[in-house]
Amino acid sequence: MTDAIRWRPSPLFVGLVVVAVASGWALASSVGDRGILTFVFVAVSWVVTLCLHEFAHAFVAYRNGDSSVVFRGYLTLNPLKYTHVVLSLVLPLVFLLLGGIGLPGGAVFIDRNALRTRFANSATSAAGPLTNLAVAIVLCTVIFVGQGSSALWPALGFLAFLQLTAAVLNLLPIPGLDGYGIIEPYLPREWARQAALVAPYAFFGIFALMLVPAINRAFFGGIYGLLGLMGVSPLLVQTGHNLFQFWF
């Protein structure tokens, strides 16, 4: 397999992008059922950004000495190449369906010993959530500049909400999340070994915390506040969420 093929976007990823663009166009053109189209557009776009999140991890790792990510196919943006499809795709989609939460997915496997410096390790961990943050900023800018009356705009608002939620959650310094990965190279090795024991349960811990009313209100209040600073109203997000859950 040549390097060009290892870097080429996979047909699956290209197909997901095509579906996202087509459903977005249909929403903008008011063609078809708004609820079903919003569901398709947001769900597929969410998977696309999960691919970009994992690609960012792999790309930064590659640039800093880990060539194994090329041979594992991580640079092709193929979600089926991830170390654990359930953690990377299925669980985030399930939490999206259940509560409209942009839960971060599992990471690609990085050979941390191949990375040249502690900073490279931190940068590799930071690349994923920073990608979500960048996507959120782009979406908010598009909404602020061009918001219209079609159902595309609430869908974009809800998608921006998911991106910002994923970025903030993933930057928390909790074992198993990228925020912890950023600081882990600088921690005592014994602390890191102990943290590795609880890392697999990070997803469930976050979900449990979100069930606490006070924490839930504070967290989502902060997310809506940040979106408001970027020109996206809570009403637009809520409208998009309601359209997304068309079965209610």
C-alpha atoms as a PDB file:
ATOM      1  CA  MET A   1       0.000   0.000   0.000  1.00  0.00           C
ATOM      2  CA  THR A   2       1.474   3.349  -1.035  1.00  0.00           C
ATOM      3  CA  ASP A   3       1.667   6.421   1.198  1.00  0.00           C
ATOM      4  CA  ALA A   4      -0.812   8.195  -1.082  1.00  0.00           C
ATOM      5  CA  ILE A   5      -3.427   5.502  -0.441  1.00  0.00           C
ATOM      6  CA  ARG A   6      -2.764   5.556   3.299  1.00  0.00           C
ATOM      7  CA  TRP A   7      -3.480   9.310   3.299  1.00  0.00           C
ATOM      8  CA  ARG A   8      -6.448   9.236   0.919  1.00  0.00           C
ATOM      9  CA  PRO A   9      -9.864   9.961   2.530  1.00  0.00           C
ATOM     10  CA  SER A  10     -11.776   6.695   2.698  1.00  0.00           C
ATOM     11  CA  PRO A  11     -14.881   6.168   0.515  1.00  0.00           C
ATOM     12  CA  LEU A  12     -16.909   5.790   3.719  1.00  0.00           C
ATOM     13  CA  PHE A  13     -15.856   9.230   4.955  1.00  0.00           C
ATOM     14  CA  VAL A  14     -16.498  10.797   1.546  1.00  0.00           C
ATOM     15  CA  GLY A  15     -19.942   9.184   1.519  1.00  0.00           C
ATOM     16  CA  LEU A  16     -20.731  10.622   4.959  1.00  0.00           C
ATOM     17  CA  VAL A  17     -19.732  14.092   3.767  1.00  0.00           C
ATOM     18  CA  VAL A  18     -21.946  13.733   0.689  1.00  0.00           C
ATOM     19  CA  VAL A  19     -24.941  12.730   2.845  1.00  0.00           C
ATOM     20  CA  ALA A  20     -24.316  15.651   5.223  1.00  0.00           C
ATOM     21  CA  VAL A  21     -24.092  18.148   2.370  1.00  0.00           C
ATOM     22  CA  ALA A  22     -27.156  16.729   0.592  1.00  0.00           C
ATOM     23  CA  SER A  23     -29.310  16.780   3.739  1.00  0.00           C
ATOM     24  CA  GLY A  24     -28.090  20.292   4.543  1.00  0.00           C
ATOM     25  CA  TRP A  25     -29.041  21.444   1.059  1.00  0.00           C
ATOM     26  CA  ALA A  26     -32.488  19.863   1.445  1.00  0.00           C
ATOM     27  CA  LEU A  27     -32.991  21.699   4.746  1.00  0.00           C
ATOM     28  CA  ALA A  28     -31.914  24.998   3.202  1.00  0.00           C
ATOM     29  CA  SER A  29     -34.241  24.420   0.245  1.00  0.00           C
ATOM     30  CA  SER A  30     -37.197  23.259   2.396  1.00  0.00           C
ATOM     31  CA  VAL A  31     -37.352  19.961   0.523  1.00  0.00           C
ATOM     32  CA  GLY A  32     -38.739  17.052   2.566  1.00  0.00           C
ATOM     33  CA  ASP A  33     -39.607  16.571   6.215  1.00  0.00           C
ATOM     34  CA  ARG A  34     -37.702  19.024   8.426  1.00  0.00           C
ATOM     35  CA  GLY A  35     -37.448  16.684  11.390  1.00  0.00           C
ATOM     36  CA  ILE A  36     -36.100  13.667   9.528  1.00  0.00           C
ATOM     37  CA  LEU A  37     -33.702  15.817   7.523  1.00  0.00           C
ATOM     38  CA  THR A  38     -32.437  17.547  10.656  1.00  0.00           C
ATOM     39  CA  PHE A  39     -31.860  14.161  12.277  1.00  0.00           C
ATOM     40  CA  VAL A  40     -29.905  12.907   9.255  1.00  0.00           C
ATOM     41  CA  PHE A  41     -27.922  16.115   8.861  1.00  0.00           C
ATOM     42  CA  VAL A  42     -26.931  16.431  12.530  1.00  0.00           C
ATOM     43  CA  ALA A  43     -26.227  12.723  13.115  1.00  0.00           C
ATOM     44  CA  VAL A  44     -24.109  12.318   9.975  1.00  0.00           C
ATOM     45  CA  SER A  45     -22.324  15.642  10.473  1.00  0.00           C
ATOM     46  CA  TRP A  46     -21.592  14.602  14.053  1.00  0.00           C
ATOM     47  CA  VAL A  47     -19.936  11.396  12.804  1.00  0.00           C
ATOM     48  CA  VAL A  48     -17.937  13.444  10.266  1.00  0.00           C
ATOM     49  CA  THR A  49     -16.607  15.669  13.042  1.00  0.00           C
ATOM     50  CA  LEU A  50     -15.804  12.626  15.192  1.00  0.00           C
ATOM     51  CA  CYS A  51     -13.650  11.451  12.276  1.00  0.00           C
ATOM     52  CA  LEU A  52     -11.968  14.866  12.116  1.00  0.00           C
ATOM     53  CA  HIS A  53     -11.396  14.734  15.884  1.00  0.00           C
ATOM     54  CA  GLU A  54      -9.629  11.381  15.649  1.00  0.00           C
ATOM     55  CA  PHE A  55      -7.724  12.423  12.515  1.00  0.00           C
ATOM     56  CA  ALA A  56      -6.368  15.455  14.388  1.00  0.00           C
ATOM     57  CA  HIS A  57      -4.987  13.199  17.129  1.00  0.00           C
ATOM     58  CA  ALA A  58      -3.357  10.924  14.565  1.00  0.00           C
ATOM     59  CA  PHE A  59      -1.978  13.718  12.381  1.00  0.00           C
ATOM     60  CA  VAL A  60      -0.265  15.532  15.259  1.00  0.00           C
ATOM     61  CA  ALA A  61       1.135  12.223  16.500  1.00  0.00           C
ATOM     62  CA  TYR A  62       2.452  11.452  13.009  1.00  0.00           C
ATOM     63  CA  ARG A  63       4.101  14.842  12.756  1.00  0.00           C
ATOM     64  CA  ASN A  64       5.808  14.222  16.089  1.00  0.00           C
ATOM     65  CA  GLY A  65       7.264  10.789  15.430  1.00  0.00           C
ATOM     66  CA  ASP A  66       4.515   8.144  15.494  1.00  0.00           C
ATOM     67  CA  SER A  67       4.504   6.632  12.006  1.00  0.00           C
ATOM     68  CA  SER A  68       2.322   3.726  13.147  1.00  0.00           C
ATOM     69  CA  VAL A  69      -0.823   5.828  12.671  1.00  0.00           C
ATOM     70  CA  VAL A  70      -0.225   5.738   8.910  1.00  0.00           C
ATOM     71  CA  PHE A  71      -0.156   1.950   8.744  1.00  0.00           C
ATOM     72  CA  ARG A  72      -3.214   1.653  10.996  1.00  0.00           C
ATOM     73  CA  GLY A  73      -5.187   3.742   8.494  1.00  0.00           C
ATOM     74  CA  TYR A  74      -6.003   6.554  10.927  1.00  0.00           C
ATOM     75  CA  LEU A  75      -5.083   9.233   8.395  1.00  0.00           C
ATOM     76  CA  THR A  76      -7.745   8.044   5.944  1.00  0.00           C
ATOM     77  CA  LEU A  77     -10.596   9.376   8.126  1.00  0.00           C
ATOM     78  CA  ASN A  78     -12.180   5.932   8.100  1.00  0.00           C
ATOM     79  CA  PRO A  79     -14.204   5.505  11.328  1.00  0.00           C
ATOM     80  CA  LEU A  80     -13.980   1.720  11.038  1.00  0.00           C
ATOM     81  CA  LYS A  81     -10.205   1.939  11.554  1.00  0.00           C
ATOM     82  CA  TYR A  82     -10.518   3.232  15.101  1.00  0.00           C
ATOM     83  CA  THR A  83      -9.228   1.091  17.962  1.00  0.00           C
ATOM     84  CA  HIS A  84     -12.746   0.702  19.347  1.00  0.00           C
ATOM     85  CA  VAL A  85     -15.689   1.577  17.108  1.00  0.00           C
ATOM     86  CA  VAL A  86     -18.127   1.262  20.025  1.00  0.00           C
ATOM     87  CA  LEU A  87     -16.290   3.861  22.123  1.00  0.00           C
ATOM     88  CA  SER A  88     -15.435   6.132  19.206  1.00  0.00           C
ATOM     89  CA  LEU A  89     -18.780   6.122  17.380  1.00  0.00           C
ATOM     90  CA  VAL A  90     -21.550   4.039  18.909  1.00  0.00           C
ATOM     91  CA  LEU A  91     -21.495   5.474  22.454  1.00  0.00           C
ATOM     92  CA  PRO A  92     -21.310   9.122  21.299  1.00  0.00           C
ATOM     93  CA  LEU A  93     -24.265   8.488  18.981  1.00  0.00           C
ATOM     94  CA  VAL A  94     -26.232   6.770  21.749  1.00  0.00           C
ATOM     95  CA  PHE A  95     -25.686   9.669  24.141  1.00  0.00           C
ATOM     96  CA  LEU A  96     -26.619  12.082  21.367  1.00  0.00           C
ATOM     97  CA  LEU A  97     -29.912  10.246  20.856  1.00  0.00           C
ATOM     98  CA  LEU A  98     -30.673   9.913  24.555  1.00  0.00           C
ATOM     99  CA  GLY A  99     -29.861  13.387  25.782  1.00  0.00           C
ATOM    100  CA  GLY A 100     -28.582  15.603  23.022  1.00  0.00           C
ATOM    101  CA  ILE A 101     -25.112  15.568  24.599  1.00  0.00           C
ATOM    102  CA  GLY A 102     -21.958  15.923  22.524  1.00  0.00           C
ATOM    103  CA  LEU A 103     -20.043  13.248  24.397  1.00  0.00           C
ATOM    104  CA  PRO A 104     -16.445  12.811  23.222  1.00  0.00           C
ATOM    105  CA  GLY A 105     -15.590   9.471  21.676  1.00  0.00           C
ATOM    106  CA  GLY A 106     -12.742   7.052  22.308  1.00  0.00           C
ATOM    107  CA  ALA A 107      -9.313   7.828  20.930  1.00  0.00           C
ATOM    108  CA  VAL A 108      -7.200   6.245  18.230  1.00  0.00           C
ATOM    109  CA  PHE A 109      -4.259   4.232  19.496  1.00  0.00           C
ATOM    110  CA  ILE A 110      -1.150   6.403  19.698  1.00  0.00           C
ATOM    111  CA  ASP A 111       2.334   5.011  20.338  1.00  0.00           C
ATOM    112  CA  ARG A 112       3.196   7.516  23.058  1.00  0.00           C
ATOM    113  CA  ASN A 113       6.745   6.149  23.330  1.00  0.00           C
ATOM    114  CA  ALA A 114       7.391   7.210  19.740  1.00  0.00           C
ATOM    115  CA  LEU A 115       6.507  10.843  20.404  1.00  0.00           C
ATOM    116  CA  ARG A 116       9.612  12.973  20.791  1.00  0.00           C
ATOM    117  CA  THR A 117       8.727  15.192  23.742  1.00  0.00           C
ATOM    118  CA  ARG A 118       6.257  15.617  26.578  1.00  0.00           C
ATOM    119  CA  PHE A 119       4.879  18.641  24.730  1.00  0.00           C
ATOM    120  CA  ALA A 120       4.243  16.433  21.678  1.00  0.00           C
ATOM    121  CA  ASN A 121       2.218  14.096  23.891  1.00  0.00           C
ATOM    122  CA  SER A 122       0.187  17.027  25.207  1.00  0.00           C
ATOM    123  CA  ALA A 123      -0.323  18.484  21.724  1.00  0.00           C
ATOM    124  CA  THR A 124      -1.530  15.118  20.417  1.00  0.00           C
ATOM    125  CA  SER A 125      -4.166  14.953  23.155  1.00  0.00           C
ATOM    126  CA  ALA A 126      -5.202  18.588  22.664  1.00  0.00           C
ATOM    127  CA  ALA A 127      -5.630  18.264  18.888  1.00  0.00           C
ATOM    128  CA  GLY A 128      -8.979  16.444  19.085  1.00  0.00           C
ATOM    129  CA  PRO A 129     -10.991  18.801  21.309  1.00  0.00           C
ATOM    130  CA  LEU A 130      -9.398  21.833  19.651  1.00  0.00           C
ATOM    131  CA  THR A 131     -10.758  20.493  16.358  1.00  0.00           C
ATOM    132  CA  ASN A 132     -14.267  20.394  17.862  1.00  0.00           C
ATOM    133  CA  LEU A 133     -13.760  23.928  19.154  1.00  0.00           C
ATOM    134  CA  ALA A 134     -12.629  25.115  15.715  1.00  0.00           C
ATOM    135  CA  VAL A 135     -15.694  23.537  14.075  1.00  0.00           C
ATOM    136  CA  ALA A 136     -17.942  25.197  16.678  1.00  0.00           C
ATOM    137  CA  ILE A 137     -16.392  28.602  15.975  1.00  0.00           C
ATOM    138  CA  VAL A 138     -16.838  28.159  12.211  1.00  0.00           C
ATOM    139  CA  LEU A 139     -20.480  27.101  12.631  1.00  0.00           C
ATOM    140  CA  CYS A 140     -21.229  30.018  14.979  1.00  0.00           C
ATOM    141  CA  THR A 141     -19.595  32.446  12.542  1.00  0.00           C
ATOM    142  CA  VAL A 142     -21.670  31.098   9.647  1.00  0.00           C
ATOM    143  CA  ILE A 143     -24.850  31.427  11.721  1.00  0.00           C
ATOM    144  CA  PHE A 144     -23.985  34.929  12.922  1.00  0.00           C
ATOM    145  CA  VAL A 145     -23.216  36.169   9.406  1.00  0.00           C
ATOM    146  CA  GLY A 146     -25.876  34.425   7.332  1.00  0.00           C
ATOM    147  CA  GLN A 147     -28.742  33.204   9.506  1.00  0.00           C
ATOM    148  CA  GLY A 148     -31.982  32.859   7.567  1.00  0.00           C
ATOM    149  CA  SER A 149     -35.420  31.373   8.016  1.00  0.00           C
ATOM    150  CA  SER A 150     -34.893  27.816   6.748  1.00  0.00           C
ATOM    151  CA  ALA A 151     -34.590  24.778   9.043  1.00  0.00           C
ATOM    152  CA  LEU A 152     -30.883  24.579   8.209  1.00  0.00           C
ATOM    153  CA  TRP A 153     -30.060  27.263  10.769  1.00  0.00           C
ATOM    154  CA  PRO A 154     -31.505  25.540  13.851  1.00  0.00           C
ATOM    155  CA  ALA A 155     -29.761  22.357  12.713  1.00  0.00           C
ATOM    156  CA  LEU A 156     -26.456  24.235  12.480  1.00  0.00           C
ATOM    157  CA  GLY A 157     -27.116  25.801  15.878  1.00  0.00           C
ATOM    158  CA  PHE A 158     -27.677  22.400  17.487  1.00  0.00           C
ATOM    159  CA  LEU A 159     -24.569  21.018  15.751  1.00  0.00           C
ATOM    160  CA  ALA A 160     -22.514  23.958  17.077  1.00  0.00           C
ATOM    161  CA  PHE A 161     -23.875  23.198  20.546  1.00  0.00           C
ATOM    162  CA  LEU A 162     -22.715  19.573  20.233  1.00  0.00           C
ATOM    163  CA  GLN A 163     -19.251  20.634  19.069  1.00  0.00           C
ATOM    164  CA  LEU A 164     -18.794  23.050  21.940  1.00  0.00           C
ATOM    165  CA  THR A 165     -20.112  20.492  24.430  1.00  0.00           C
ATOM    166  CA  ALA A 166     -17.658  17.877  23.152  1.00  0.00           C
ATOM    167  CA  ALA A 167     -14.747  20.333  23.290  1.00  0.00           C
ATOM    168  CA  VAL A 168     -15.458  21.454  26.857  1.00  0.00           C
ATOM    169  CA  LEU A 169     -16.144  17.939  28.174  1.00  0.00           C
ATOM    170  CA  ASN A 170     -13.075  16.513  26.500  1.00  0.00           C
ATOM    171  CA  LEU A 171     -10.826  19.225  27.936  1.00  0.00           C
ATOM    172  CA  LEU A 172     -11.756  18.287  31.501  1.00  0.00           C
ATOM    173  CA  PRO A 173      -8.678  16.879  33.324  1.00  0.00           C
ATOM    174  CA  ILE A 174     -10.387  13.538  33.978  1.00  0.00           C
ATOM    175  CA  PRO A 175      -8.541  10.248  33.290  1.00  0.00           C
ATOM    176  CA  GLY A 176      -9.722   8.836  29.996  1.00  0.00           C
ATOM    177  CA  LEU A 177     -10.361  12.256  28.448  1.00  0.00           C
ATOM    178  CA  ASP A 178      -8.052  14.397  26.349  1.00  0.00           C
ATOM    179  CA  GLY A 179      -7.853  17.077  29.009  1.00  0.00           C
ATOM    180  CA  TYR A 180      -6.137  14.561  31.258  1.00  0.00           C
ATOM    181  CA  GLY A 181      -3.934  13.469  28.351  1.00  0.00           C
ATOM    182  CA  ILE A 182      -2.678  17.047  28.058  1.00  0.00           C
ATOM    183  CA  ILE A 183      -1.372  17.131  31.641  1.00  0.00           C
ATOM    184  CA  GLU A 184      -0.521  13.430  32.049  1.00  0.00           C
ATOM    185  CA  PRO A 185       3.072  13.691  30.705  1.00  0.00           C
ATOM    186  CA  TYR A 186       3.915  16.086  33.529  1.00  0.00           C
ATOM    187  CA  LEU A 187       2.421  14.019  36.369  1.00  0.00           C
ATOM    188  CA  PRO A 188       4.342  11.581  38.617  1.00  0.00           C
ATOM    189  CA  ARG A 189       4.355   8.129  37.020  1.00  0.00           C
ATOM    190  CA  GLU A 190       2.648   6.536  40.017  1.00  0.00           C
ATOM    191  CA  TRP A 191      -0.269   8.994  39.676  1.00  0.00           C
ATOM    192  CA  ALA A 192      -0.529   8.154  35.987  1.00  0.00           C
ATOM    193  CA  ARG A 193      -0.613   4.413  36.696  1.00  0.00           C
ATOM    194  CA  GLN A 194      -3.393   4.840  39.219  1.00  0.00           C
ATOM    195  CA  ALA A 195      -5.363   7.096  36.871  1.00  0.00           C
ATOM    196  CA  ALA A 196      -5.140   4.484  34.106  1.00  0.00           C
ATOM    197  CA  LEU A 197      -7.217   2.131  36.255  1.00  0.00           C
ATOM    198  CA  VAL A 198     -10.248   4.457  36.231  1.00  0.00           C
ATOM    199  CA  ALA A 199      -9.811   5.840  32.701  1.00  0.00           C
ATOM    200  CA  PRO A 200     -12.128   3.239  31.040  1.00  0.00           C
ATOM    201  CA  TYR A 201     -15.049   4.468  33.151  1.00  0.00           C
ATOM    202  CA  ALA A 202     -14.768   8.158  32.238  1.00  0.00           C
ATOM    203  CA  PHE A 203     -17.776   8.054  29.874  1.00  0.00           C
ATOM    204  CA  PHE A 204     -20.091   6.697  32.492  1.00  0.00           C
ATOM    205  CA  GLY A 205     -18.782   9.079  35.124  1.00  0.00           C
ATOM    206  CA  ILE A 206     -19.539  12.068  32.912  1.00  0.00           C
ATOM    207  CA  PHE A 207     -23.020  10.807  32.153  1.00  0.00           C
ATOM    208  CA  ALA A 208     -23.693  10.254  35.861  1.00  0.00           C
ATOM    209  CA  LEU A 209     -22.536  13.787  36.678  1.00  0.00           C
ATOM    210  CA  MET A 210     -24.847  15.188  34.008  1.00  0.00           C
ATOM    211  CA  LEU A 211     -27.760  13.580  35.853  1.00  0.00           C
ATOM    212  CA  VAL A 212     -27.098  15.781  38.903  1.00  0.00           C
ATOM    213  CA  PRO A 213     -29.466  18.774  38.429  1.00  0.00           C
ATOM    214  CA  ALA A 214     -27.114  21.433  39.804  1.00  0.00           C
ATOM    215  CA  ILE A 215     -24.171  20.242  37.703  1.00  0.00           C
ATOM    216  CA  ASN A 216     -26.385  19.876  34.630  1.00  0.00           C
ATOM    217  CA  ARG A 217     -27.708  23.439  34.949  1.00  0.00           C
ATOM    218  CA  ALA A 218     -24.272  24.920  35.558  1.00  0.00           C
ATOM    219  CA  PHE A 219     -22.643  23.062  32.679  1.00  0.00           C
ATOM    220  CA  PHE A 220     -25.273  23.713  30.038  1.00  0.00           C
ATOM    221  CA  GLY A 221     -25.772  27.249  31.277  1.00  0.00           C
ATOM    222  CA  GLY A 222     -22.082  27.819  30.600  1.00  0.00           C
ATOM    223  CA  ILE A 223     -22.349  26.239  27.142  1.00  0.00           C
ATOM    224  CA  TYR A 224     -25.319  28.446  26.223  1.00  0.00           C
ATOM    225  CA  GLY A 225     -23.433  31.455  27.576  1.00  0.00           C
ATOM    226  CA  LEU A 226     -20.442  30.736  25.334  1.00  0.00           C
ATOM    227  CA  LEU A 227     -22.711  30.207  22.328  1.00  0.00           C
ATOM    228  CA  GLY A 228     -24.430  33.504  23.093  1.00  0.00           C
ATOM    229  CA  LEU A 229     -21.067  35.284  23.034  1.00  0.00           C
ATOM    230  CA  MET A 230     -20.579  33.837  19.546  1.00  0.00           C
ATOM    231  CA  GLY A 231     -23.969  35.023  18.328  1.00  0.00           C
ATOM    232  CA  VAL A 232     -26.020  31.819  18.650  1.00  0.00           C
ATOM    233  CA  SER A 233     -29.182  32.040  20.732  1.00  0.00           C
ATOM    234  CA  PRO A 234     -30.420  29.257  23.050  1.00  0.00           C
ATOM    235  CA  LEU A 235     -33.756  29.378  21.207  1.00  0.00           C
ATOM    236  CA  LEU A 236     -32.055  28.456  17.924  1.00  0.00           C
ATOM    237  CA  VAL A 237     -30.289  25.526  19.594  1.00  0.00           C
ATOM    238  CA  GLN A 238     -33.471  24.311  21.284  1.00  0.00           C
ATOM    239  CA  THR A 239     -35.367  24.518  18.007  1.00  0.00           C
ATOM    240  CA  GLY A 240     -32.680  22.433  16.338  1.00  0.00           C
ATOM    241  CA  HIS A 241     -32.768  19.906  19.167  1.00  0.00           C
ATOM    242  CA  ASN A 242     -36.553  19.608  18.925  1.00  0.00           C
ATOM    243  CA  LEU A 243     -36.361  19.061  15.171  1.00  0.00           C
ATOM    244  CA  PHE A 244     -33.600  16.501  15.668  1.00  0.00           C
ATOM    245  CA  GLN A 245     -35.818  14.485  18.027  1.00  0.00           C
ATOM    246  CA  PHE A 246     -38.594  14.300  15.435  1.00  0.00           C
ATOM    247  CA  TRP A 247     -40.050  11.154  17.013  1.00  0.00           C
ATOM    248  CA  PHE A 248     -41.374  13.104  20.030  1.00  0.00           C
END
